[in-house]
Amino acid sequence: MKLATAEIMRKLDGKAIEEFGIPGLVLMENAARGTVNSMFRHFPGLSTMRVGVFAGRGNNGGDALAVARYLINRGVACQVYLLAAKEEVKGDAAVNLEILQRMGGEVASIRNQEAFKAIRERMAANDLLVDGILGTGLKGPVKEFLYDLIAFINSLNRPVVSIDIPSGLDSDSGQILGICIQAALTVTFGLPKRGLLVLPGAKWCGPLELVDISLPRSAVESEKIQDYMIEGADFLHCLPPRDPNAHKGTFGHLIVLSGSPGKTGAAAMVCKAAVRVGTGLVTLGLPASLNPILEVKLTEAMTEPLPETREQTISPEAERRIAELCSGKNALAIGPGLSRNPETARLIQRIVSHTEIPAVVDADGLTAFVGKMDIISRKRKDLILTPHPGEMAHLLGSTIQEVQQNRIEV
């Protein structure tokens, strides 16, 4: 499934309105109707609940005002808290505010701390809350009374339904911009936002539902989106039914280069995992002195003792034998528990540079390329790196915090 940034969603909304002639009010109506349908699915007792709807002055608030209208039409007791003066609400949001008022909907305007404090007890009387405070356009940290309002909402321990994205969450990076609504349900529109699916954002959105608001498919395709959420259907075609007449040679042969003193467990885990996912044959290349240990630990995987350094790590002298092992095989896994021995690191660099089979580089295998990323950049596309945040920071000469704050862009 394709994922969107705030900028991509802004462009898609614009194309739908300007190029395809879909009124913004129609998009807002579709969003509100889908949100309310999701609410009734997730909260079976919604008809008897008192619902407080928080609406900002922008389009996210306009969605919230339309949600309040749908709730009222379905007999739900609903109070709207408008976080602006009524005359400050513009465009499609203003249209929905006008409709709501004509329907007799209760709208309390809250513009500052004083107005917020005066109405806190009424807010606390609600059974469920709807968050339409801040949308995907938020860039800087939440400030002033909106910060206190979000803190208050979180303190109530009431279920909160966030419209499109929890207020206070960066829709691109998933970072918390000062403070964030803790949602019990997030209903997002058109395409999932990246920030809803990466941490820490994923912890704040609760269950995520996607509503189709009728964005034209051709408009979505024209954006050439590169970010995807991998779903089961995306790779099931890679796992066809197995031929009952097949044998272990039918399902590929993996070479694993792994292990050093104190890290034999890493080698064993890689091999066992490979067998478990269905690899037909697995051969582990490891320092010769560790072979007796892995012979005992492994049953299905084969082992290949290799020349070793004085520190009992795989030596550069093993390069020719490793090349022979890789010849005619299907894939290579290299790195877990190999150590940071400089000689072994040089071997890793040469193996990855010259191997002609698909390879996965992990753990100590990645460390070998710190300051040597030019080797990786020259490699063919069938090379997969699997760093955790610390390894990624080491590779980039960055910090774990910087990596965590922007996991996709790095």
Protein backbone atom coordinates (compact mmCIF):
# COMPACT_ATOMS: atom_id res chain seq x y z
CA MET A 1 0.00 0.00 0.00
CA LYS A 2 1.29 3.45 -0.90
CA LEU A 3 2.11 5.89 1.89
CA ALA A 4 1.78 9.66 1.69
CA THR A 5 3.60 12.65 3.09
CA ALA A 6 1.77 15.84 3.99
CA GLU A 7 3.00 17.44 0.77
CA ILE A 8 1.77 14.55 -1.37
CA MET A 9 -1.67 14.71 0.25
CA ARG A 10 -1.80 18.46 -0.32
CA LYS A 11 -1.06 17.91 -4.01
CA LEU A 12 -3.62 15.10 -4.31
CA ASP A 13 -6.36 17.18 -2.72
CA GLY A 14 -5.46 20.04 -5.05
CA LYS A 15 -5.55 17.83 -8.14
CA ALA A 16 -8.89 16.30 -7.14
CA ILE A 17 -10.42 19.76 -6.73
CA GLU A 18 -8.77 21.74 -9.52
CA GLU A 19 -8.08 19.16 -12.27
CA PHE A 20 -10.94 16.71 -11.73
CA GLY A 21 -13.56 19.11 -10.45
CA ILE A 22 -14.33 17.25 -7.22
CA PRO A 23 -15.46 19.93 -4.75
CA GLY A 24 -13.53 20.11 -1.51
CA LEU A 25 -16.83 19.76 0.31
CA VAL A 26 -17.35 16.36 -1.32
CA LEU A 27 -13.95 15.17 -0.09
CA MET A 28 -14.78 16.48 3.38
CA GLU A 29 -18.18 14.80 3.30
CA ASN A 30 -16.65 11.47 2.30
CA ALA A 31 -14.10 11.77 5.09
CA ALA A 32 -16.71 12.56 7.73
CA ARG A 33 -19.09 9.81 6.67
CA GLY A 34 -16.28 7.25 6.68
CA THR A 35 -15.09 8.42 10.09
CA VAL A 36 -18.52 8.05 11.67
CA ASN A 37 -19.00 4.60 10.14
CA SER A 38 -15.66 3.56 11.63
CA MET A 39 -16.67 4.97 15.01
CA PHE A 40 -19.86 2.91 15.09
CA ARG A 41 -17.87 -0.25 14.22
CA HIS A 42 -15.32 0.32 16.98
CA PHE A 43 -17.67 1.62 19.68
CA PRO A 44 -20.88 -0.50 19.71
CA GLY A 45 -22.43 1.68 22.43
CA LEU A 46 -21.82 4.93 20.56
CA SER A 47 -25.54 5.70 20.22
CA THR A 48 -25.85 6.15 23.98
CA MET A 49 -22.57 8.04 24.51
CA ARG A 50 -21.98 11.74 24.99
CA VAL A 51 -19.42 12.82 22.40
CA GLY A 52 -17.19 15.89 22.56
CA VAL A 53 -15.85 17.05 19.19
CA PHE A 54 -12.75 19.29 19.13
CA ALA A 55 -12.43 21.26 15.90
CA GLY A 56 -9.57 23.49 14.86
CA ARG A 57 -9.96 26.31 12.37
CA GLY A 58 -8.56 24.45 9.33
CA ASN A 59 -9.73 21.59 7.13
CA ASN A 60 -9.09 19.04 9.87
CA GLY A 61 -11.52 21.02 11.98
CA GLY A 62 -13.91 21.15 9.04
CA ASP A 63 -13.84 17.34 8.94
CA ALA A 64 -14.63 17.33 12.66
CA LEU A 65 -17.60 19.67 12.18
CA ALA A 66 -18.97 17.38 9.47
CA VAL A 67 -18.43 14.38 11.78
CA ALA A 68 -20.49 16.15 14.47
CA ARG A 69 -23.30 16.66 11.96
CA TYR A 70 -23.35 12.97 11.04
CA LEU A 71 -23.35 11.98 14.71
CA ILE A 72 -26.28 14.28 15.47
CA ASN A 73 -28.21 12.90 12.52
CA ARG A 74 -27.73 9.42 13.95
CA GLY A 75 -29.08 10.46 17.33
CA VAL A 76 -25.78 10.83 19.21
CA ALA A 77 -25.56 13.54 21.88
CA CYS A 78 -22.78 15.79 20.62
CA GLN A 79 -21.03 18.95 21.88
CA VAL A 80 -18.59 20.79 19.60
CA TYR A 81 -15.62 22.74 20.96
CA LEU A 82 -14.43 25.14 18.26
CA LEU A 83 -10.84 26.20 18.92
CA ALA A 84 -11.20 29.55 17.20
CA ALA A 85 -13.62 32.41 16.84
CA LYS A 86 -16.44 31.45 14.49
CA GLU A 87 -15.51 34.24 12.07
CA GLU A 88 -11.96 32.84 11.83
CA VAL A 89 -13.19 29.62 10.22
CA LYS A 90 -12.92 29.87 6.43
CA GLY A 91 -13.64 27.90 3.26
CA ASP A 92 -15.21 24.45 3.38
CA ALA A 93 -14.85 24.33 7.15
CA ALA A 94 -16.96 27.49 7.42
CA VAL A 95 -19.66 25.87 5.27
CA ASN A 96 -19.83 22.90 7.63
CA LEU A 97 -19.91 25.19 10.65
CA GLU A 98 -22.85 27.08 9.17
CA ILE A 99 -24.74 23.84 8.42
CA LEU A 100 -24.10 22.55 11.93
CA GLN A 101 -25.40 25.73 13.50
CA ARG A 102 -28.52 25.71 11.35
CA MET A 103 -29.14 22.16 12.57
CA GLY A 104 -29.07 23.44 16.14
CA GLY A 105 -25.72 21.86 16.99
CA GLU A 106 -24.07 23.11 20.18
CA VAL A 107 -20.82 24.94 19.35
CA ALA A 108 -18.68 26.46 22.10
CA SER A 109 -15.88 28.75 20.92
CA ILE A 110 -12.61 28.37 22.86
CA ARG A 111 -9.86 30.80 21.86
CA ASN A 112 -7.53 30.97 24.88
CA GLN A 113 -6.58 29.60 28.28
CA GLU A 114 -9.33 31.43 30.09
CA ALA A 115 -12.07 30.04 27.86
CA PHE A 116 -10.52 26.59 28.10
CA LYS A 117 -10.41 26.63 31.91
CA ALA A 118 -14.02 27.78 32.06
CA ILE A 119 -15.28 24.79 30.10
CA ARG A 120 -13.00 21.99 31.34
CA GLU A 121 -15.68 20.38 33.51
CA ARG A 122 -18.09 20.16 30.58
CA MET A 123 -15.38 18.53 28.47
CA ALA A 124 -14.74 15.96 31.18
CA ALA A 125 -18.41 14.93 31.16
CA ASN A 126 -18.11 13.36 27.70
CA ASP A 127 -17.81 9.61 27.21
CA LEU A 128 -15.87 9.78 23.93
CA LEU A 129 -13.86 12.54 22.26
CA VAL A 130 -13.15 13.37 18.62
CA ASP A 131 -9.83 15.00 17.77
CA GLY A 132 -9.95 17.43 14.85
CA ILE A 133 -7.57 19.93 16.44
CA LEU A 134 -4.46 19.85 14.24
CA GLY A 135 -3.97 18.09 10.92
CA THR A 136 -1.12 17.04 8.67
CA GLY A 137 0.04 20.61 8.10
CA LEU A 138 1.55 20.94 11.59
CA LYS A 139 5.27 21.77 11.37
CA GLY A 140 6.42 23.21 14.69
CA PRO A 141 5.78 22.14 18.28
CA VAL A 142 2.32 22.47 19.81
CA LYS A 143 2.24 25.59 21.99
CA GLU A 144 0.21 27.63 24.43
CA PHE A 145 -3.32 26.59 25.30
CA LEU A 146 -3.48 23.87 22.63
CA TYR A 147 -0.61 22.13 24.46
CA ASP A 148 -2.57 22.31 27.74
CA LEU A 149 -5.75 21.19 25.98
CA ILE A 150 -4.11 18.06 24.54
CA ALA A 151 -2.55 17.27 27.91
CA PHE A 152 -5.98 17.64 29.51
CA ILE A 153 -7.67 15.40 26.92
CA ASN A 154 -5.03 12.69 27.48
CA SER A 155 -5.52 12.94 31.24
CA LEU A 156 -9.25 12.22 31.01
CA ASN A 157 -8.68 8.56 30.07
CA ARG A 158 -11.55 8.74 27.61
CA PRO A 159 -11.32 7.03 24.20
CA VAL A 160 -10.30 9.54 21.54
CA VAL A 161 -10.95 9.20 17.81
CA SER A 162 -8.38 11.17 15.81
CA ILE A 163 -9.38 12.51 12.41
CA ASP A 164 -6.70 11.76 9.79
CA ILE A 165 -3.83 11.94 12.32
CA PRO A 166 -3.49 12.41 16.10
CA SER A 167 -2.99 16.11 16.81
CA GLY A 168 0.64 16.85 17.60
CA LEU A 169 2.08 14.05 15.44
CA ASP A 170 4.40 14.83 12.53
CA SER A 171 2.65 13.11 9.63
CA ASP A 172 5.92 12.47 7.76
CA SER A 173 8.37 11.34 10.43
CA GLY A 174 6.09 10.03 13.21
CA GLN A 175 7.81 12.28 15.75
CA ILE A 176 5.89 13.96 18.56
CA LEU A 177 5.85 17.73 18.13
CA GLY A 178 5.87 18.66 21.80
CA ILE A 179 2.76 16.71 22.79
CA CYS A 180 0.34 14.39 21.01
CA ILE A 181 -3.17 13.05 21.38
CA GLN A 182 -3.20 9.41 22.51
CA ALA A 183 -5.83 8.03 20.16
CA ALA A 184 -7.94 4.93 20.68
CA LEU A 185 -8.71 4.98 16.95
CA THR A 186 -7.32 6.97 14.03
CA VAL A 187 -9.32 7.27 10.82
CA THR A 188 -7.09 8.50 8.01
CA PHE A 189 -8.11 9.58 4.52
CA GLY A 190 -7.04 8.76 0.98
CA LEU A 191 -3.68 7.17 1.79
CA PRO A 192 -2.02 6.22 5.09
CA LYS A 193 0.38 8.88 6.33
CA ARG A 194 3.98 7.73 6.89
CA GLY A 195 4.05 9.03 10.44
CA LEU A 196 1.21 6.73 11.45
CA LEU A 197 3.24 3.62 10.63
CA VAL A 198 6.69 4.38 12.05
CA LEU A 199 7.63 4.73 15.69
CA PRO A 200 6.93 6.57 17.86
CA GLY A 201 3.86 7.66 15.86
CA ALA A 202 2.48 4.13 15.54
CA LYS A 203 2.15 3.94 19.35
CA TRP A 204 -0.07 7.03 19.47
CA CYS A 205 -2.65 6.33 16.76
CA GLY A 206 -4.32 3.18 18.10
CA PRO A 207 -6.02 0.98 15.50
CA LEU A 208 -5.77 2.62 12.08
CA GLU A 209 -8.63 2.71 9.57
CA LEU A 210 -8.35 4.04 6.03
CA VAL A 211 -11.28 5.81 4.38
CA ASP A 212 -11.58 6.17 0.62
CA ILE A 213 -12.55 9.79 -0.05
CA SER A 214 -12.63 9.29 -3.86
CA LEU A 215 -9.24 10.65 -4.81
CA PRO A 216 -8.88 9.81 -8.53
CA ARG A 217 -6.62 6.83 -9.06
CA SER A 218 -4.81 8.53 -11.94
CA ALA A 219 -3.96 11.46 -9.65
CA VAL A 220 -2.43 9.07 -7.11
CA GLU A 221 -0.46 7.26 -9.81
CA SER A 222 0.88 10.55 -11.20
CA GLU A 223 2.66 11.30 -7.93
CA LYS A 224 5.05 8.34 -8.42
CA ILE A 225 5.04 7.58 -4.70
CA GLN A 226 8.11 5.64 -3.49
CA ASP A 227 7.05 4.78 0.08
CA TYR A 228 5.04 1.61 0.64
CA MET A 229 3.64 -0.42 3.51
CA ILE A 230 4.37 -4.08 2.80
CA GLU A 231 1.30 -6.27 3.10
CA GLY A 232 0.87 -10.03 2.79
CA ALA A 233 -0.54 -9.78 -0.70
CA ASP A 234 2.63 -8.04 -1.88
CA PHE A 235 4.82 -11.10 -1.45
CA LEU A 236 2.50 -14.09 -1.46
CA HIS A 237 3.28 -14.58 -5.15
CA CYS A 238 6.87 -15.29 -4.07
CA LEU A 239 5.65 -18.26 -2.02
CA PRO A 240 3.89 -20.53 -4.51
CA PRO A 241 2.59 -23.95 -3.42
CA ARG A 242 5.44 -26.45 -3.14
CA ASP A 243 5.65 -29.27 -5.64
CA PRO A 244 4.97 -32.50 -3.72
CA ASN A 245 7.64 -34.13 -5.89
CA ALA A 246 10.27 -31.55 -4.83
CA HIS A 247 13.34 -32.19 -2.65
CA LYS A 248 15.78 -30.10 -0.64
CA GLY A 249 17.77 -29.21 -3.74
CA THR A 250 14.69 -27.60 -5.23
CA PHE A 251 14.49 -24.85 -2.64
CA GLY A 252 17.85 -23.14 -2.93
CA HIS A 253 21.21 -23.21 -1.18
CA LEU A 254 22.20 -20.43 1.23
CA ILE A 255 25.76 -19.67 2.32
CA VAL A 256 26.09 -18.13 5.79
CA LEU A 257 29.30 -16.47 7.01
CA SER A 258 28.92 -15.96 10.74
CA GLY A 259 30.38 -16.58 14.17
CA SER A 260 33.37 -15.77 16.38
CA PRO A 261 34.32 -16.60 19.99
CA GLY A 262 31.36 -15.78 22.22
CA LYS A 263 29.09 -15.25 19.19
CA THR A 264 28.37 -18.81 18.07
CA GLY A 265 24.72 -18.27 18.99
CA ALA A 266 24.40 -15.68 16.24
CA ALA A 267 25.57 -18.20 13.66
CA ALA A 268 23.22 -20.87 14.96
CA MET A 269 20.21 -18.53 14.92
CA VAL A 270 20.81 -17.45 11.32
CA CYS A 271 21.05 -21.03 10.12
CA LYS A 272 18.02 -22.23 12.04
CA ALA A 273 15.97 -19.28 10.78
CA ALA A 274 16.98 -20.01 7.18
CA VAL A 275 15.89 -23.63 7.51
CA ARG A 276 12.66 -22.66 9.20
CA VAL A 277 11.55 -20.34 6.39
CA GLY A 278 12.04 -23.12 3.88
CA THR A 279 15.58 -22.90 2.52
CA GLY A 280 16.48 -26.28 1.05
CA LEU A 281 20.20 -26.31 1.95
CA VAL A 282 22.20 -24.14 4.35
CA THR A 283 25.98 -24.13 4.66
CA LEU A 284 27.68 -22.20 7.47
CA GLY A 285 31.21 -20.93 6.93
CA LEU A 286 32.88 -20.25 10.27
CA PRO A 287 36.30 -20.10 11.99
CA ALA A 288 37.74 -23.60 12.03
CA SER A 289 38.26 -23.73 15.80
CA LEU A 290 34.53 -23.08 16.38
CA ASN A 291 33.36 -25.87 14.11
CA PRO A 292 33.01 -28.49 16.89
CA ILE A 293 30.63 -26.16 18.76
CA LEU A 294 28.36 -25.54 15.76
CA GLU A 295 28.43 -29.20 14.74
CA VAL A 296 26.67 -29.86 18.04
CA LYS A 297 24.33 -26.84 17.94
CA LEU A 298 23.12 -27.39 14.37
CA THR A 299 21.35 -30.44 13.01
CA GLU A 300 20.09 -29.53 9.54
CA ALA A 301 22.66 -26.93 8.45
CA MET A 302 26.06 -28.03 7.16
CA THR A 303 29.31 -26.44 8.34
CA GLU A 304 32.49 -25.44 6.53
CA PRO A 305 35.57 -24.79 8.75
CA LEU A 306 37.53 -21.82 7.39
CA PRO A 307 41.03 -20.43 8.03
CA GLU A 308 41.05 -18.10 11.00
CA THR A 309 42.97 -15.19 12.53
CA ARG A 310 44.78 -15.30 15.86
CA GLU A 311 41.56 -14.03 17.44
CA GLN A 312 39.67 -17.04 16.01
CA THR A 313 37.76 -14.97 13.46
CA ILE A 314 37.49 -15.76 9.75
CA SER A 315 40.76 -14.88 8.04
CA PRO A 316 41.34 -13.22 4.63
CA GLU A 317 42.99 -16.52 3.71
CA ALA A 318 39.48 -17.94 3.49
CA GLU A 319 38.54 -15.73 0.53
CA ARG A 320 39.22 -18.30 -2.20
CA ARG A 321 37.33 -21.06 -0.37
CA ILE A 322 34.38 -18.72 0.26
CA ALA A 323 34.28 -17.87 -3.45
CA GLU A 324 34.15 -21.60 -4.21
CA LEU A 325 31.35 -22.08 -1.68
CA CYS A 326 29.30 -19.25 -3.21
CA SER A 327 29.71 -20.54 -6.76
CA GLY A 328 26.39 -21.90 -8.01
CA LYS A 329 24.58 -21.07 -4.77
CA ASN A 330 21.47 -18.89 -4.50
CA ALA A 331 22.21 -16.36 -1.77
CA LEU A 332 24.68 -15.21 0.88
CA ALA A 333 24.07 -14.04 4.45
CA ILE A 334 27.10 -12.38 6.00
CA GLY A 335 27.81 -10.59 9.26
CA PRO A 336 26.12 -11.82 12.44
CA GLY A 337 28.73 -12.42 15.12
CA LEU A 338 31.71 -12.14 12.74
CA SER A 339 33.49 -9.70 15.12
CA ARG A 340 35.11 -6.35 14.37
CA ASN A 341 38.54 -7.81 13.75
CA PRO A 342 40.26 -5.58 11.11
CA GLU A 343 41.43 -8.56 9.05
CA THR A 344 37.93 -10.04 9.01
CA ALA A 345 36.52 -6.63 8.09
CA ARG A 346 38.77 -6.49 5.01
CA LEU A 347 37.60 -9.95 4.05
CA ILE A 348 33.96 -8.90 4.37
CA GLN A 349 34.58 -5.91 2.11
CA ARG A 350 36.14 -8.10 -0.57
CA ILE A 351 33.46 -10.78 -0.39
CA VAL A 352 30.62 -8.28 -0.69
CA SER A 353 32.42 -6.47 -3.52
CA HIS A 354 32.96 -9.57 -5.61
CA THR A 355 30.09 -11.95 -4.87
CA GLU A 356 27.73 -12.44 -7.79
CA ILE A 357 24.81 -13.84 -5.80
CA PRO A 358 22.19 -11.87 -3.83
CA ALA A 359 23.49 -11.00 -0.38
CA VAL A 360 22.16 -9.82 2.98
CA VAL A 361 24.66 -7.91 5.16
CA ASP A 362 23.90 -7.60 8.87
CA ALA A 363 25.50 -6.79 12.23
CA ASP A 364 29.33 -6.96 12.17
CA GLY A 365 29.13 -7.25 8.40
CA LEU A 366 27.78 -3.69 8.33
CA THR A 367 30.47 -2.40 10.67
CA ALA A 368 33.07 -3.42 8.09
CA PHE A 369 31.73 -0.67 5.82
CA VAL A 370 31.98 2.26 8.21
CA GLY A 371 33.90 4.85 6.19
CA LYS A 372 33.75 2.49 3.21
CA MET A 373 30.22 3.12 1.94
CA ASP A 374 31.59 3.72 -1.55
CA ILE A 375 31.95 -0.07 -1.79
CA ILE A 376 28.25 -0.46 -1.07
CA SER A 377 27.26 2.27 -3.54
CA ARG A 378 29.11 0.45 -6.34
CA LYS A 379 27.35 -2.82 -5.59
CA ARG A 380 24.47 -4.16 -7.67
CA LYS A 381 20.90 -3.77 -6.50
CA ASP A 382 20.66 -7.34 -5.15
CA LEU A 383 22.30 -6.35 -1.87
CA ILE A 384 20.21 -5.90 1.28
CA LEU A 385 21.46 -4.09 4.39
CA THR A 386 19.64 -4.70 7.68
CA PRO A 387 20.99 -2.19 10.24
CA HIS A 388 19.36 -1.45 13.58
CA PRO A 389 19.40 2.25 14.59
CA GLY A 390 22.82 2.01 16.26
CA GLU A 391 24.40 0.35 13.23
CA MET A 392 22.75 2.84 10.88
CA ALA A 393 24.09 5.75 12.91
CA HIS A 394 27.57 4.20 12.84
CA LEU A 395 27.42 3.79 9.06
CA LEU A 396 26.30 7.38 8.51
CA GLY A 397 28.56 9.00 11.10
CA SER A 398 25.38 10.18 12.81
CA THR A 399 23.66 9.53 16.14
CA ILE A 400 20.96 7.07 17.14
CA GLN A 401 18.68 9.99 18.02
CA GLU A 402 19.05 11.51 14.55
CA VAL A 403 18.29 8.16 12.91
CA GLN A 404 15.26 7.53 15.11
CA GLN A 405 13.86 10.99 14.39
CA ASN A 406 13.86 10.43 10.64
CA ARG A 407 13.99 6.70 9.99
CA ILE A 408 12.71 6.91 6.43
CA GLU A 409 14.67 9.86 5.06
CA VAL A 410 18.06 8.66 6.33
